[in-house]
N, C-alpha and C. Protein backbone atom coordinates (compact mmCIF):
# COMPACT_ATOMS: atom_id res chain seq x y z
N MET A 1 102.89 131.26 19.57
CA MET A 1 103.94 132.17 19.22
C MET A 1 105.27 131.43 19.28
N SER A 2 106.06 131.52 18.19
CA SER A 2 107.36 130.86 18.17
C SER A 2 108.47 131.90 18.22
N ILE A 3 109.57 131.51 18.80
CA ILE A 3 110.72 132.39 18.90
C ILE A 3 111.67 132.08 17.74
N GLU A 4 112.04 133.11 17.02
CA GLU A 4 112.94 132.93 15.89
C GLU A 4 114.37 132.80 16.37
N PRO A 5 115.12 131.80 15.86
CA PRO A 5 116.53 131.69 16.25
C PRO A 5 117.33 132.82 15.63
N PRO A 6 118.49 133.13 16.21
CA PRO A 6 119.31 134.21 15.64
C PRO A 6 119.79 133.81 14.24
N VAL A 7 119.87 134.81 13.38
CA VAL A 7 120.38 134.59 12.03
C VAL A 7 121.88 134.81 12.07
N LEU A 8 122.65 133.75 11.88
CA LEU A 8 124.08 133.83 11.94
C LEU A 8 124.64 134.34 10.62
N PRO A 9 125.87 134.86 10.61
CA PRO A 9 126.45 135.41 9.38
C PRO A 9 126.47 134.41 8.24
N ASP A 10 126.42 134.93 7.02
CA ASP A 10 126.47 134.05 5.85
C ASP A 10 127.62 134.40 4.91
N SER A 11 128.61 135.14 5.43
CA SER A 11 129.78 135.48 4.60
C SER A 11 131.04 135.44 5.49
N ASP A 12 132.18 135.35 4.84
CA ASP A 12 133.45 135.39 5.60
C ASP A 12 133.58 136.68 6.39
N GLU A 13 133.18 137.79 5.77
CA GLU A 13 133.25 139.09 6.44
C GLU A 13 132.35 139.12 7.67
N GLY A 14 131.18 138.51 7.56
CA GLY A 14 130.24 138.44 8.69
C GLY A 14 130.79 137.63 9.84
N TRP A 15 131.45 136.49 9.52
CA TRP A 15 132.04 135.67 10.58
C TRP A 15 133.23 136.40 11.23
N GLN A 16 133.99 137.13 10.42
CA GLN A 16 135.11 137.89 10.97
C GLN A 16 134.62 139.00 11.90
N ALA A 17 133.52 139.68 11.51
CA ALA A 17 132.96 140.73 12.35
C ALA A 17 132.43 140.14 13.66
N LEU A 18 131.76 138.99 13.58
CA LEU A 18 131.27 138.31 14.78
C LEU A 18 132.46 137.95 15.67
N GLY A 19 133.52 137.40 15.08
CA GLY A 19 134.72 137.02 15.84
C GLY A 19 135.34 138.22 16.53
N SER A 20 135.41 139.34 15.83
CA SER A 20 135.97 140.55 16.40
C SER A 20 135.15 141.00 17.61
N ARG A 21 133.84 140.95 17.51
CA ARG A 21 132.97 141.34 18.65
C ARG A 21 133.19 140.37 19.82
N LEU A 22 133.32 139.08 19.51
CA LEU A 22 133.56 138.09 20.56
C LEU A 22 134.88 138.38 21.28
N ARG A 23 135.93 138.67 20.53
CA ARG A 23 137.23 138.97 21.12
C ARG A 23 137.15 140.23 21.99
N THR A 24 136.53 141.28 21.44
CA THR A 24 136.40 142.53 22.18
C THR A 24 135.66 142.31 23.49
N ALA A 25 134.56 141.58 23.44
CA ALA A 25 133.77 141.33 24.64
C ALA A 25 134.55 140.51 25.67
N ARG A 26 135.29 139.52 25.18
CA ARG A 26 136.09 138.68 26.09
C ARG A 26 137.17 139.53 26.77
N GLU A 27 137.89 140.30 25.99
CA GLU A 27 138.95 141.14 26.56
C GLU A 27 138.38 142.17 27.50
N TYR A 28 137.24 142.74 27.13
CA TYR A 28 136.59 143.76 27.94
C TYR A 28 136.23 143.25 29.33
N ILE A 29 135.76 142.04 29.39
CA ILE A 29 135.34 141.46 30.66
C ILE A 29 136.53 140.83 31.42
N GLY A 30 137.69 140.70 30.72
CA GLY A 30 138.90 140.27 31.38
C GLY A 30 139.15 138.78 31.43
N TYR A 31 138.52 138.03 30.53
CA TYR A 31 138.74 136.59 30.47
C TYR A 31 139.81 136.24 29.45
N SER A 32 140.57 135.19 29.75
CA SER A 32 141.52 134.67 28.76
C SER A 32 140.77 133.68 27.85
N GLN A 33 141.36 133.39 26.73
CA GLN A 33 140.76 132.38 25.84
C GLN A 33 140.67 131.03 26.56
N ALA A 34 141.68 130.71 27.35
CA ALA A 34 141.70 129.44 28.07
C ALA A 34 140.54 129.35 29.07
N GLU A 35 140.26 130.48 29.77
CA GLU A 35 139.15 130.49 30.73
C GLU A 35 137.82 130.27 30.02
N VAL A 36 137.64 130.92 28.90
CA VAL A 36 136.40 130.78 28.14
C VAL A 36 136.26 129.33 27.63
N ALA A 37 137.35 128.81 27.12
CA ALA A 37 137.34 127.43 26.61
C ALA A 37 136.94 126.44 27.71
N ARG A 38 137.55 126.58 28.90
CA ARG A 38 137.21 125.69 30.01
C ARG A 38 135.74 125.83 30.39
N THR A 39 135.27 127.06 30.49
CA THR A 39 133.88 127.31 30.89
C THR A 39 132.90 126.69 29.92
N LEU A 40 133.20 126.77 28.62
CA LEU A 40 132.27 126.27 27.59
C LEU A 40 132.59 124.86 27.15
N ASP A 41 133.59 124.24 27.77
CA ASP A 41 134.02 122.88 27.42
C ASP A 41 134.43 122.80 25.95
N LEU A 42 135.24 123.77 25.54
CA LEU A 42 135.82 123.80 24.20
C LEU A 42 137.32 123.86 24.33
N THR A 43 138.02 123.79 23.20
CA THR A 43 139.48 123.96 23.24
C THR A 43 139.82 125.43 23.06
N ARG A 44 141.01 125.82 23.54
CA ARG A 44 141.44 127.19 23.35
C ARG A 44 141.59 127.52 21.86
N PRO A 45 142.14 126.59 21.02
CA PRO A 45 142.19 126.91 19.59
C PRO A 45 140.80 127.12 18.97
N ALA A 46 139.78 126.47 19.51
CA ALA A 46 138.42 126.71 18.98
C ALA A 46 138.01 128.16 19.26
N ILE A 47 138.33 128.67 20.45
CA ILE A 47 137.99 130.06 20.79
C ILE A 47 138.81 131.01 19.88
N THR A 48 140.10 130.71 19.70
CA THR A 48 140.94 131.52 18.81
C THR A 48 140.34 131.57 17.40
N ASN A 49 139.96 130.42 16.87
CA ASN A 49 139.38 130.35 15.52
C ASN A 49 138.06 131.07 15.43
N MET A 50 137.24 131.00 16.47
CA MET A 50 135.98 131.75 16.46
C MET A 50 136.27 133.24 16.38
N GLU A 51 137.22 133.70 17.21
CA GLU A 51 137.54 135.13 17.27
C GLU A 51 138.17 135.64 15.99
N GLN A 52 138.80 134.76 15.23
CA GLN A 52 139.41 135.15 13.96
C GLN A 52 138.49 134.93 12.77
N GLY A 53 137.27 134.44 13.04
CA GLY A 53 136.30 134.24 11.96
C GLY A 53 136.57 133.00 11.14
N ARG A 54 137.46 132.14 11.62
CA ARG A 54 137.80 130.93 10.86
C ARG A 54 136.97 129.72 11.28
N ARG A 55 136.22 129.85 12.37
CA ARG A 55 135.36 128.78 12.85
C ARG A 55 133.97 129.34 13.05
N LYS A 56 132.99 128.69 12.47
CA LYS A 56 131.62 129.14 12.63
C LYS A 56 131.16 128.84 14.07
N VAL A 57 130.34 129.73 14.60
CA VAL A 57 129.82 129.60 15.95
C VAL A 57 128.37 129.13 15.85
N SER A 58 128.05 128.09 16.56
CA SER A 58 126.66 127.61 16.53
C SER A 58 125.77 128.55 17.33
N GLY A 59 124.48 128.46 17.11
CA GLY A 59 123.54 129.28 17.87
C GLY A 59 123.63 129.02 19.36
N LEU A 60 123.83 127.75 19.74
CA LEU A 60 123.95 127.39 21.16
C LEU A 60 125.24 127.96 21.75
N GLU A 61 126.34 127.91 21.00
CA GLU A 61 127.61 128.48 21.46
C GLU A 61 127.49 129.98 21.61
N LEU A 62 126.82 130.63 20.66
CA LEU A 62 126.66 132.07 20.73
C LEU A 62 125.83 132.46 21.96
N ALA A 63 124.78 131.69 22.23
CA ALA A 63 123.96 131.98 23.42
C ALA A 63 124.80 131.82 24.68
N ALA A 64 125.64 130.78 24.76
CA ALA A 64 126.50 130.57 25.93
C ALA A 64 127.51 131.70 26.07
N LEU A 65 128.11 132.11 24.94
CA LEU A 65 129.07 133.20 24.99
C LEU A 65 128.40 134.50 25.40
N ALA A 66 127.22 134.77 24.90
CA ALA A 66 126.50 135.99 25.26
C ALA A 66 126.23 136.01 26.77
N ARG A 67 125.82 134.88 27.34
CA ARG A 67 125.59 134.80 28.80
C ARG A 67 126.89 135.05 29.54
N LEU A 68 127.96 134.39 29.10
CA LEU A 68 129.25 134.51 29.76
C LEU A 68 129.76 135.94 29.71
N TYR A 69 129.59 136.61 28.58
CA TYR A 69 130.11 137.97 28.39
C TYR A 69 129.12 139.03 28.83
N ARG A 70 127.96 138.60 29.29
CA ARG A 70 126.89 139.52 29.78
C ARG A 70 126.51 140.56 28.74
N ARG A 71 126.30 140.08 27.52
CA ARG A 71 125.86 140.94 26.43
C ARG A 71 124.72 140.24 25.69
N PRO A 72 123.81 141.00 25.09
CA PRO A 72 122.76 140.36 24.31
C PRO A 72 123.37 139.75 23.04
N TYR A 73 122.83 138.60 22.61
CA TYR A 73 123.40 137.97 21.43
C TYR A 73 123.26 138.87 20.21
N GLU A 74 122.29 139.77 20.21
CA GLU A 74 122.14 140.72 19.09
C GLU A 74 123.38 141.58 18.92
N TYR A 75 124.05 141.88 20.03
CA TYR A 75 125.29 142.66 19.94
C TYR A 75 126.32 141.96 19.04
N PHE A 76 126.47 140.65 19.24
CA PHE A 76 127.47 139.88 18.49
C PHE A 76 127.11 139.78 17.01
N LEU A 77 125.82 139.84 16.72
CA LEU A 77 125.37 139.79 15.33
C LEU A 77 125.34 141.15 14.65
N GLY A 78 125.75 142.19 15.41
CA GLY A 78 125.78 143.52 14.85
C GLY A 78 124.43 144.21 14.75
N GLU A 79 123.44 143.67 15.49
CA GLU A 79 122.08 144.21 15.42
C GLU A 79 121.85 145.31 16.44
N THR A 80 122.76 145.48 17.38
CA THR A 80 122.63 146.55 18.37
C THR A 80 124.02 147.09 18.68
N THR A 81 124.10 148.36 18.95
CA THR A 81 125.38 148.98 19.28
C THR A 81 125.32 149.67 20.65
N GLU A 82 124.38 149.25 21.48
CA GLU A 82 124.20 149.95 22.73
C GLU A 82 125.45 149.99 23.60
N THR A 83 126.34 148.99 23.48
CA THR A 83 127.53 148.99 24.31
C THR A 83 128.69 149.73 23.65
N ASP A 84 128.47 150.36 22.48
CA ASP A 84 129.51 151.13 21.84
C ASP A 84 129.60 152.54 22.46
N ASP A 85 128.65 152.92 23.26
CA ASP A 85 128.64 154.23 23.90
C ASP A 85 129.74 154.30 24.96
N PRO A 86 130.70 155.23 24.86
CA PRO A 86 131.80 155.29 25.82
C PRO A 86 131.33 155.47 27.25
N THR A 87 130.24 156.20 27.46
CA THR A 87 129.73 156.40 28.81
C THR A 87 129.21 155.09 29.37
N VAL A 88 128.50 154.32 28.57
CA VAL A 88 128.01 153.02 29.02
C VAL A 88 129.18 152.11 29.34
N GLN A 89 130.20 152.13 28.50
CA GLN A 89 131.38 151.31 28.76
C GLN A 89 132.08 151.71 30.06
N ALA A 90 132.18 153.02 30.30
CA ALA A 90 132.83 153.50 31.53
C ALA A 90 132.01 153.07 32.74
N LEU A 91 130.70 153.19 32.66
CA LEU A 91 129.85 152.76 33.77
C LEU A 91 130.00 151.27 34.03
N PHE A 92 130.06 150.48 32.97
CA PHE A 92 130.24 149.03 33.12
C PHE A 92 131.55 148.73 33.81
N ARG A 93 132.63 149.36 33.34
CA ARG A 93 133.95 149.11 33.97
C ARG A 93 133.94 149.50 35.44
N ALA A 94 133.30 150.62 35.76
CA ALA A 94 133.28 151.08 37.14
C ALA A 94 132.44 150.17 38.03
N ALA A 95 131.39 149.58 37.48
CA ALA A 95 130.46 148.80 38.29
C ALA A 95 130.72 147.30 38.28
N LYS A 96 131.52 146.80 37.34
CA LYS A 96 131.64 145.33 37.19
C LYS A 96 132.23 144.65 38.40
N ASP A 97 133.10 145.32 39.17
CA ASP A 97 133.71 144.70 40.33
C ASP A 97 133.01 144.99 41.63
N LEU A 98 131.88 145.71 41.57
CA LEU A 98 131.12 145.98 42.77
C LEU A 98 130.33 144.76 43.21
N SER A 99 129.92 144.75 44.44
CA SER A 99 129.05 143.66 44.92
C SER A 99 127.69 143.79 44.27
N ASP A 100 126.90 142.71 44.30
CA ASP A 100 125.56 142.75 43.72
C ASP A 100 124.74 143.88 44.37
N ARG A 101 124.86 144.01 45.68
CA ARG A 101 124.09 145.05 46.38
C ARG A 101 124.52 146.46 45.94
N ASP A 102 125.81 146.67 45.81
CA ASP A 102 126.29 147.98 45.35
C ASP A 102 125.87 148.25 43.91
N ARG A 103 125.91 147.23 43.03
CA ARG A 103 125.44 147.44 41.64
C ARG A 103 123.97 147.80 41.63
N GLN A 104 123.18 147.18 42.50
CA GLN A 104 121.76 147.51 42.57
C GLN A 104 121.58 148.96 42.99
N GLN A 105 122.41 149.45 43.91
CA GLN A 105 122.33 150.85 44.32
C GLN A 105 122.67 151.79 43.17
N VAL A 106 123.67 151.38 42.34
CA VAL A 106 124.01 152.18 41.16
C VAL A 106 122.81 152.27 40.22
N VAL A 107 122.15 151.13 40.00
CA VAL A 107 120.96 151.10 39.14
C VAL A 107 119.86 151.99 39.70
N GLN A 108 119.63 151.90 41.02
CA GLN A 108 118.61 152.74 41.64
C GLN A 108 118.94 154.21 41.48
N PHE A 109 120.21 154.57 41.65
CA PHE A 109 120.61 155.97 41.50
C PHE A 109 120.43 156.44 40.05
N ALA A 110 120.77 155.60 39.10
CA ALA A 110 120.58 155.94 37.70
C ALA A 110 119.09 156.16 37.39
N GLU A 111 118.24 155.29 37.93
CA GLU A 111 116.80 155.45 37.74
C GLU A 111 116.31 156.75 38.40
N PHE A 112 116.86 157.09 39.55
CA PHE A 112 116.49 158.33 40.21
C PHE A 112 116.88 159.51 39.33
N LEU A 113 118.09 159.49 38.81
CA LEU A 113 118.54 160.58 37.94
C LEU A 113 117.66 160.73 36.70
N ARG A 114 117.29 159.59 36.10
CA ARG A 114 116.43 159.62 34.92
C ARG A 114 115.07 160.24 35.26
N SER A 115 114.52 159.88 36.41
CA SER A 115 113.20 160.41 36.77
C SER A 115 113.24 161.84 37.27
N ALA A 116 114.41 162.33 37.68
CA ALA A 116 114.55 163.67 38.21
C ALA A 116 114.54 164.72 37.11
N GLY A 117 114.72 164.31 35.88
CA GLY A 117 114.73 165.27 34.79
C GLY A 117 116.12 165.81 34.53
N ARG A 118 116.19 166.78 33.69
CA ARG A 118 117.46 167.36 33.27
C ARG A 118 118.12 168.12 34.43
N ALA A 119 119.42 167.94 34.54
CA ALA A 119 120.18 168.62 35.58
C ALA A 119 120.29 170.11 35.23
N PRO A 120 120.26 170.98 36.24
CA PRO A 120 120.42 172.41 35.95
C PRO A 120 121.81 172.71 35.42
N GLU A 121 121.89 173.74 34.61
CA GLU A 121 123.19 174.17 34.09
C GLU A 121 124.01 174.75 35.22
N PRO A 122 125.30 174.51 35.23
CA PRO A 122 126.15 175.10 36.28
C PRO A 122 126.16 176.61 36.16
N ARG A 123 126.23 177.26 37.31
CA ARG A 123 126.28 178.72 37.31
C ARG A 123 127.65 179.20 36.91
N SER A 124 127.70 180.27 36.18
CA SER A 124 128.98 180.86 35.76
C SER A 124 129.66 181.49 36.97
N GLN A 125 130.98 181.37 37.07
CA GLN A 125 131.69 181.96 38.18
C GLN A 125 131.69 183.46 38.09
N ASP A 126 131.48 184.00 36.90
CA ASP A 126 131.43 185.46 36.72
C ASP A 126 130.26 186.08 37.45
N ASN A 127 129.15 185.32 37.61
CA ASN A 127 127.94 185.83 38.22
C ASN A 127 127.99 185.77 39.75
N GLU A 128 128.98 185.12 40.29
CA GLU A 128 129.04 184.95 41.75
C GLU A 128 129.84 186.09 42.35
N THR A 129 129.18 186.98 43.08
CA THR A 129 129.85 188.07 43.80
C THR A 129 129.18 188.33 45.09
């Protein structure tokens, strides 16, 4: 069984969309272009050009960026929109600064809620007497 490499964009619009997702993910996680450049051993202008769609991103660079930004590379290629959900984004923002142990507790609580089934509807205040 062989693993297929990601299919990178083949148009200017595709590279611009990829760059926009890279910029959004970087800003979302709170990194500067300089921090990303240092981490990946690139120049800051290279990061700027990637984010503006003026520089093509190699498969290896995309994999490194995906790890750094904690997103699946499919997100950057526009193949998944799971992180476009505002609730998921809010949960990420709330949990990103927690300790590893606390994040694990959040995951366990979410799994508990999922297994508990649908929450009951709140009772109307009119019925309380």
